[in-house]
PDB file of N, CA and C in Angstrom:
ATOM      1  N   MET A   1      37.934 116.394  66.432  1.00  0.00           N
ATOM      2  CA  MET A   1      37.706 115.639  65.235  1.00  0.00           C
ATOM      3  C   MET A   1      37.598 116.583  64.035  1.00  0.00           C
ATOM      4  N   THR A   2      38.434 117.579  64.085  1.00  0.00           N
ATOM      5  CA  THR A   2      38.474 118.582  63.029  1.00  0.00           C
ATOM      6  C   THR A   2      38.642 117.920  61.661  1.00  0.00           C
ATOM      7  N   GLY A   3      37.843 118.380  60.716  1.00  0.00           N
ATOM      8  CA  GLY A   3      37.956 117.889  59.350  1.00  0.00           C
ATOM      9  C   GLY A   3      37.123 116.660  59.049  1.00  0.00           C
ATOM     10  N   MET A   4      36.460 116.091  60.053  1.00  0.00           N
ATOM     11  CA  MET A   4      35.635 114.905  59.811  1.00  0.00           C
ATOM     12  C   MET A   4      34.290 115.301  59.218  1.00  0.00           C
ATOM     13  N   ARG A   5      33.720 114.384  58.442  1.00  0.00           N
ATOM     14  CA  ARG A   5      32.378 114.532  57.899  1.00  0.00           C
ATOM     15  C   ARG A   5      31.527 113.387  58.428  1.00  0.00           C
ATOM     16  N   PRO A   6      30.209 113.548  58.444  1.00  0.00           N
ATOM     17  CA  PRO A   6      29.354 112.440  58.891  1.00  0.00           C
ATOM     18  C   PRO A   6      29.680 111.152  58.139  1.00  0.00           C
ATOM     19  N   GLY A   7      29.785 110.064  58.882  1.00  0.00           N
ATOM     20  CA  GLY A   7      30.166 108.769  58.320  1.00  0.00           C
ATOM     21  C   GLY A   7      31.662 108.510  58.378  1.00  0.00           C
ATOM     22  N   GLY A   8      32.454 109.530  58.671  1.00  0.00           N
ATOM     23  CA  GLY A   8      33.907 109.373  58.757  1.00  0.00           C
ATOM     24  C   GLY A   8      34.308 108.633  60.019  1.00  0.00           C
ATOM     25  N   VAL A   9      35.419 107.911  59.949  1.00  0.00           N
ATOM     26  CA  VAL A   9      35.924 107.137  61.085  1.00  0.00           C
ATOM     27  C   VAL A   9      37.369 107.528  61.333  1.00  0.00           C
ATOM     28  N   ARG A  10      37.711 107.725  62.594  1.00  0.00           N
ATOM     29  CA  ARG A  10      39.097 108.004  62.996  1.00  0.00           C
ATOM     30  C   ARG A  10      39.493 107.016  64.081  1.00  0.00           C
ATOM     31  N   ARG A  11      40.719 106.586  64.057  1.00  0.00           N
ATOM     32  CA  ARG A  11      41.248 105.697  65.093  1.00  0.00           C
ATOM     33  C   ARG A  11      42.074 106.524  66.063  1.00  0.00           C
ATOM     34  N   ILE A  12      41.761 106.390  67.340  1.00  0.00           N
ATOM     35  CA  ILE A  12      42.475 107.092  68.400  1.00  0.00           C
ATOM     36  C   ILE A  12      43.258 106.055  69.197  1.00  0.00           C
ATOM     37  N   ILE A  13      44.557 106.259  69.347  1.00  0.00           N
ATOM     38  CA  ILE A  13      45.413 105.360  70.128  1.00  0.00           C
ATOM     39  C   ILE A  13      45.925 106.143  71.332  1.00  0.00           C
ATOM     40  N   VAL A  14      45.635 105.619  72.523  1.00  0.00           N
ATOM     41  CA  VAL A  14      46.018 106.294  73.764  1.00  0.00           C
ATOM     42  C   VAL A  14      47.036 105.413  74.489  1.00  0.00           C
ATOM     43  N   PRO A  15      48.286 105.881  74.646  1.00  0.00           N
ATOM     44  CA  PRO A  15      49.289 105.085  75.342  1.00  0.00           C
ATOM     45  C   PRO A  15      48.931 104.925  76.829  1.00  0.00           C
ATOM     46  N   PRO A  16      49.419 103.855  77.463  1.00  0.00           N
ATOM     47  CA  PRO A  16      49.065 103.568  78.855  1.00  0.00           C
ATOM     48  C   PRO A  16      49.350 104.713  79.827  1.00  0.00           C
ATOM     49  N   ASP A  17      50.434 105.449  79.632  1.00  0.00           N
ATOM     50  CA  ASP A  17      50.772 106.511  80.586  1.00  0.00           C
ATOM     51  C   ASP A  17      49.775 107.662  80.546  1.00  0.00           C
ATOM     52  N   ILE A  18      49.065 107.835  79.431  1.00  0.00           N
ATOM     53  CA  ILE A  18      48.024 108.866  79.344  1.00  0.00           C
ATOM     54  C   ILE A  18      46.654 108.280  79.687  1.00  0.00           C
ATOM     55  N   GLY A  19      46.391 107.064  79.236  1.00  0.00           N
ATOM     56  CA  GLY A  19      45.090 106.435  79.449  1.00  0.00           C
ATOM     57  C   GLY A  19      44.841 106.012  80.883  1.00  0.00           C
ATOM     58  N   TYR A  20      45.901 105.702  81.613  1.00  0.00           N
ATOM     59  CA  TYR A  20      45.783 105.253  82.998  1.00  0.00           C
ATOM     60  C   TYR A  20      46.744 106.046  83.868  1.00  0.00           C
ATOM     61  N   PRO A  21      46.409 107.289  84.217  1.00  0.00           N
ATOM     62  CA  PRO A  21      47.320 108.081  85.051  1.00  0.00           C
ATOM     63  C   PRO A  21      47.632 107.375  86.361  1.00  0.00           C
ATOM     64  N   ASN A  22      48.829 107.467  86.794  1.00  0.00           N
ATOM     65  CA  ASN A  22      49.300 106.845  88.041  1.00  0.00           C
ATOM     66  C   ASN A  22      49.113 105.333  88.044  1.00  0.00           C
ATOM     67  N   ASN A  23      48.903 104.735  86.851  1.00  0.00           N
ATOM     68  CA  ASN A  23      48.746 103.287  86.700  1.00  0.00           C
ATOM     69  C   ASN A  23      47.639 102.727  87.589  1.00  0.00           C
ATOM     70  N   ASP A  24      46.602 103.511  87.877  1.00  0.00           N
ATOM     71  CA  ASP A  24      45.488 103.066  88.715  1.00  0.00           C
ATOM     72  C   ASP A  24      44.324 102.665  87.816  1.00  0.00           C
ATOM     73  N   LEU A  25      44.361 101.429  87.314  1.00  0.00           N
ATOM     74  CA  LEU A  25      43.373 100.967  86.348  1.00  0.00           C
ATOM     75  C   LEU A  25      41.979 100.868  86.942  1.00  0.00           C
ATOM     76  N   ASN A  26      41.848 100.492  88.190  1.00  0.00           N
ATOM     77  CA  ASN A  26      40.526 100.279  88.766  1.00  0.00           C
ATOM     78  C   ASN A  26      39.807 101.581  89.072  1.00  0.00           C
ATOM     79  N   LYS A  27      40.507 102.588  89.569  1.00  0.00           N
ATOM     80  CA  LYS A  27      39.870 103.839  89.965  1.00  0.00           C
ATOM     81  C   LYS A  27      39.655 104.784  88.776  1.00  0.00           C
ATOM     82  N   LEU A  28      40.635 104.895  87.891  1.00  0.00           N
ATOM     83  CA  LEU A  28      40.577 105.882  86.828  1.00  0.00           C
ATOM     84  C   LEU A  28      40.339 105.290  85.451  1.00  0.00           C
ATOM     85  N   GLY A  29      40.167 104.002  85.347  1.00  0.00           N
ATOM     86  CA  GLY A  29      40.027 103.351  84.049  1.00  0.00           C
ATOM     87  C   GLY A  29      38.665 103.560  83.421  1.00  0.00           C
ATOM     88  N   PRO A  30      38.463 102.984  82.252  1.00  0.00           N
ATOM     89  CA  PRO A  30      37.203 103.135  81.534  1.00  0.00           C
ATOM     90  C   PRO A  30      36.054 102.463  82.274  1.00  0.00           C
ATOM     91  N   LYS A  31      34.852 102.939  82.028  1.00  0.00           N
ATOM     92  CA  LYS A  31      33.636 102.383  82.618  1.00  0.00           C
ATOM     93  C   LYS A  31      32.747 101.872  81.492  1.00  0.00           C
ATOM     94  N   PRO A  32      32.857 100.585  81.126  1.00  0.00           N
ATOM     95  CA  PRO A  32      32.064 100.048  80.012  1.00  0.00           C
ATOM     96  C   PRO A  32      30.564 100.156  80.287  1.00  0.00           C
ATOM     97  N   THR A  33      29.794 100.328  79.218  1.00  0.00           N
ATOM     98  CA  THR A  33      28.340 100.433  79.350  1.00  0.00           C
ATOM     99  C   THR A  33      27.626  99.176  78.861  1.00  0.00           C
ATOM    100  N   THR A  34      28.393  98.211  78.327  1.00  0.00           N
ATOM    101  CA  THR A  34      27.784  96.968  77.852  1.00  0.00           C
ATOM    102  C   THR A  34      28.409  95.787  78.575  1.00  0.00           C
ATOM    103  N   PHE A  35      27.694  94.676  78.569  1.00  0.00           N
ATOM    104  CA  PHE A  35      28.199  93.460  79.197  1.00  0.00           C
ATOM    105  C   PHE A  35      29.490  92.997  78.528  1.00  0.00           C
ATOM    106  N   SER A  36      29.524  93.015  77.184  1.00  0.00           N
ATOM    107  CA  SER A  36      30.726  92.556  76.484  1.00  0.00           C
ATOM    108  C   SER A  36      31.905  93.492  76.755  1.00  0.00           C
ATOM    109  N   GLY A  37      31.635  94.791  76.862  1.00  0.00           N
ATOM    110  CA  GLY A  37      32.698  95.727  77.202  1.00  0.00           C
ATOM    111  C   GLY A  37      33.251  95.472  78.593  1.00  0.00           C
ATOM    112  N   GLN A  38      32.372  95.169  79.541  1.00  0.00           N
ATOM    113  CA  GLN A  38      32.810  94.863  80.903  1.00  0.00           C
ATOM    114  C   GLN A  38      33.631  93.583  80.930  1.00  0.00           C
ATOM    115  N   ARG A  39      33.213  92.570  80.164  1.00  0.00           N
ATOM    116  CA  ARG A  39      33.984  91.315  80.091  1.00  0.00           C
ATOM    117  C   ARG A  39      35.375  91.568  79.543  1.00  0.00           C
ATOM    118  N   ALA A  40      35.474  92.399  78.495  1.00  0.00           N
ATOM    119  CA  ALA A  40      36.778  92.700  77.910  1.00  0.00           C
ATOM    120  C   ALA A  40      37.663  93.430  78.917  1.00  0.00           C
ATOM    121  N   LEU A  41      37.093  94.400  79.633  1.00  0.00           N
ATOM    122  CA  LEU A  41      37.869  95.126  80.631  1.00  0.00           C
ATOM    123  C   LEU A  41      38.295  94.201  81.766  1.00  0.00           C
ATOM    124  N   ASP A  42      37.408  93.333  82.218  1.00  0.00           N
ATOM    125  CA  ASP A  42      37.756  92.379  83.273  1.00  0.00           C
ATOM    126  C   ASP A  42      38.926  91.504  82.849  1.00  0.00           C
ATOM    127  N   PHE A  43      38.925  91.064  81.583  1.00  0.00           N
ATOM    128  CA  PHE A  43      40.030  90.250  81.076  1.00  0.00           C
ATOM    129  C   PHE A  43      41.342  91.022  81.143  1.00  0.00           C
ATOM    130  N   VAL A  44      41.318  92.282  80.715  1.00  0.00           N
ATOM    131  CA  VAL A  44      42.527  93.114  80.747  1.00  0.00           C
ATOM    132  C   VAL A  44      43.023  93.272  82.177  1.00  0.00           C
ATOM    133  N   LEU A  45      42.106  93.553  83.100  1.00  0.00           N
ATOM    134  CA  LEU A  45      42.516  93.776  84.490  1.00  0.00           C
ATOM    135  C   LEU A  45      43.055  92.506  85.139  1.00  0.00           C
ATOM    136  N   ARG A  46      42.513  91.351  84.766  1.00  0.00           N
ATOM    137  CA  ARG A  46      43.008  90.081  85.328  1.00  0.00           C
ATOM    138  C   ARG A  46      44.339  89.660  84.715  1.00  0.00           C
ATOM    139  N   ASN A  47      44.636  90.119  83.510  1.00  0.00           N
ATOM    140  CA  ASN A  47      45.826  89.674  82.782  1.00  0.00           C
ATOM    141  C   ASN A  47      46.732  90.846  82.429  1.00  0.00           C
ATOM    142  N   GLN A  48      46.970  91.715  83.382  1.00  0.00           N
ATOM    143  CA  GLN A  48      47.730  92.931  83.108  1.00  0.00           C
ATOM    144  C   GLN A  48      49.128  92.663  82.576  1.00  0.00           C
ATOM    145  N   GLY A  49      49.736  91.577  82.964  1.00  0.00           N
ATOM    146  CA  GLY A  49      51.078  91.276  82.480  1.00  0.00           C
ATOM    147  C   GLY A  49      51.103  90.835  81.032  1.00  0.00           C
ATOM    148  N   LEU A  50      49.963  90.416  80.482  1.00  0.00           N
ATOM    149  CA  LEU A  50      49.906  89.916  79.119  1.00  0.00           C
ATOM    150  C   LEU A  50      49.543  90.987  78.096  1.00  0.00           C
ATOM    151  N   ILE A  51      48.987  92.079  78.552  1.00  0.00           N
ATOM    152  CA  ILE A  51      48.473  93.101  77.650  1.00  0.00           C
ATOM    153  C   ILE A  51      49.170  94.419  77.968  1.00  0.00           C
ATOM    154  N   ASP A  52      49.503  95.199  76.924  1.00  0.00           N
ATOM    155  CA  ASP A  52      50.252  96.431  77.151  1.00  0.00           C
ATOM    156  C   ASP A  52      49.381  97.593  77.634  1.00  0.00           C
ATOM    157  N   LYS A  53      48.069  97.438  77.712  1.00  0.00           N
ATOM    158  CA  LYS A  53      47.135  98.420  78.252  1.00  0.00           C
ATOM    159  C   LYS A  53      46.982  99.663  77.380  1.00  0.00           C
ATOM    160  N   THR A  54      47.433  99.603  76.134  1.00  0.00           N
ATOM    161  CA  THR A  54      47.196 100.701  75.215  1.00  0.00           C
ATOM    162  C   THR A  54      45.717 100.695  74.854  1.00  0.00           C
ATOM    163  N   LEU A  55      45.084 101.869  74.888  1.00  0.00           N
ATOM    164  CA  LEU A  55      43.669 101.977  74.541  1.00  0.00           C
ATOM    165  C   LEU A  55      43.534 102.326  73.068  1.00  0.00           C
ATOM    166  N   LEU A  56      42.574 101.694  72.392  1.00  0.00           N
ATOM    167  CA  LEU A  56      42.334 101.952  70.988  1.00  0.00           C
ATOM    168  C   LEU A  56      40.838 102.202  70.806  1.00  0.00           C
ATOM    169  N   PHE A  57      40.506 103.335  70.190  1.00  0.00           N
ATOM    170  CA  PHE A  57      39.117 103.689  69.945  1.00  0.00           C
ATOM    171  C   PHE A  57      38.927 103.968  68.464  1.00  0.00           C
ATOM    172  N   ASP A  58      37.884 103.403  67.875  1.00  0.00           N
ATOM    173  CA  ASP A  58      37.466 103.779  66.529  1.00  0.00           C
ATOM    174  C   ASP A  58      36.247 104.672  66.704  1.00  0.00           C
ATOM    175  N   ILE A  59      36.379 105.933  66.299  1.00  0.00           N
ATOM    176  CA  ILE A  59      35.340 106.940  66.491  1.00  0.00           C
ATOM    177  C   ILE A  59      34.667 107.202  65.144  1.00  0.00           C
ATOM    178  N   GLU A  60      33.328 107.064  65.100  1.00  0.00           N
ATOM    179  CA  GLU A  60      32.568 107.368  63.887  1.00  0.00           C
ATOM    180  C   GLU A  60      31.705 108.595  64.146  1.00  0.00           C
ATOM    181  N   LEU A  61      31.788 109.564  63.250  1.00  0.00           N
ATOM    182  CA  LEU A  61      30.967 110.762  63.358  1.00  0.00           C
ATOM    183  C   LEU A  61      29.607 110.462  62.732  1.00  0.00           C
ATOM    184  N   ILE A  62      28.567 110.491  63.550  1.00  0.00           N
ATOM    185  CA  ILE A  62      27.226 110.186  63.085  1.00  0.00           C
ATOM    186  C   ILE A  62      26.570 111.417  62.461  1.00  0.00           C
ATOM    187  N   ARG A  63      26.590 112.527  63.185  1.00  0.00           N
ATOM    188  CA  ARG A  63      25.999 113.755  62.647  1.00  0.00           C
ATOM    189  C   ARG A  63      26.640 114.964  63.333  1.00  0.00           C
ATOM    190  N   ILE A  64      26.472 116.103  62.702  1.00  0.00           N
ATOM    191  CA  ILE A  64      26.955 117.359  63.252  1.00  0.00           C
ATOM    192  C   ILE A  64      25.735 118.173  63.683  1.00  0.00           C
ATOM    193  N   ILE A  65      25.737 118.606  64.928  1.00  0.00           N
ATOM    194  CA  ILE A  65      24.648 119.427  65.437  1.00  0.00           C
ATOM    195  C   ILE A  65      25.132 120.877  65.421  1.00  0.00           C
ATOM    196  N   PRO A  66      24.491 121.729  64.613  1.00  0.00           N
ATOM    197  CA  PRO A  66      24.942 123.127  64.527  1.00  0.00           C
ATOM    198  C   PRO A  66      24.823 123.834  65.869  1.00  0.00           C
ATOM    199  N   SER A  67      25.776 124.704  66.166  1.00  0.00           N
ATOM    200  CA  SER A  67      25.696 125.488  67.405  1.00  0.00           C
ATOM    201  C   SER A  67      24.639 126.572  67.237  1.00  0.00           C
ATOM    202  N   GLN A  68      24.073 126.981  68.341  1.00  0.00           N
ATOM    203  CA  GLN A  68      22.994 127.977  68.275  1.00  0.00           C
ATOM    204  C   GLN A  68      23.492 129.368  68.546  1.00  0.00           C
TER     205      GLN A  68
END
């Protein structure tokens, strides 16, 4: 996230061939930490033919911790 400042947002787009190596969504896919995230992932896994499986992340830099 070179060049970002606190409060900055970057969008990361990960194509399916990189986000899901060997097309194994269940073993190597994302592990949601919230109920709504799990519901969204379950929908994608149940409807694989309807969704292109591209991953999209909006990353916000909260703070920079100086190295010691």
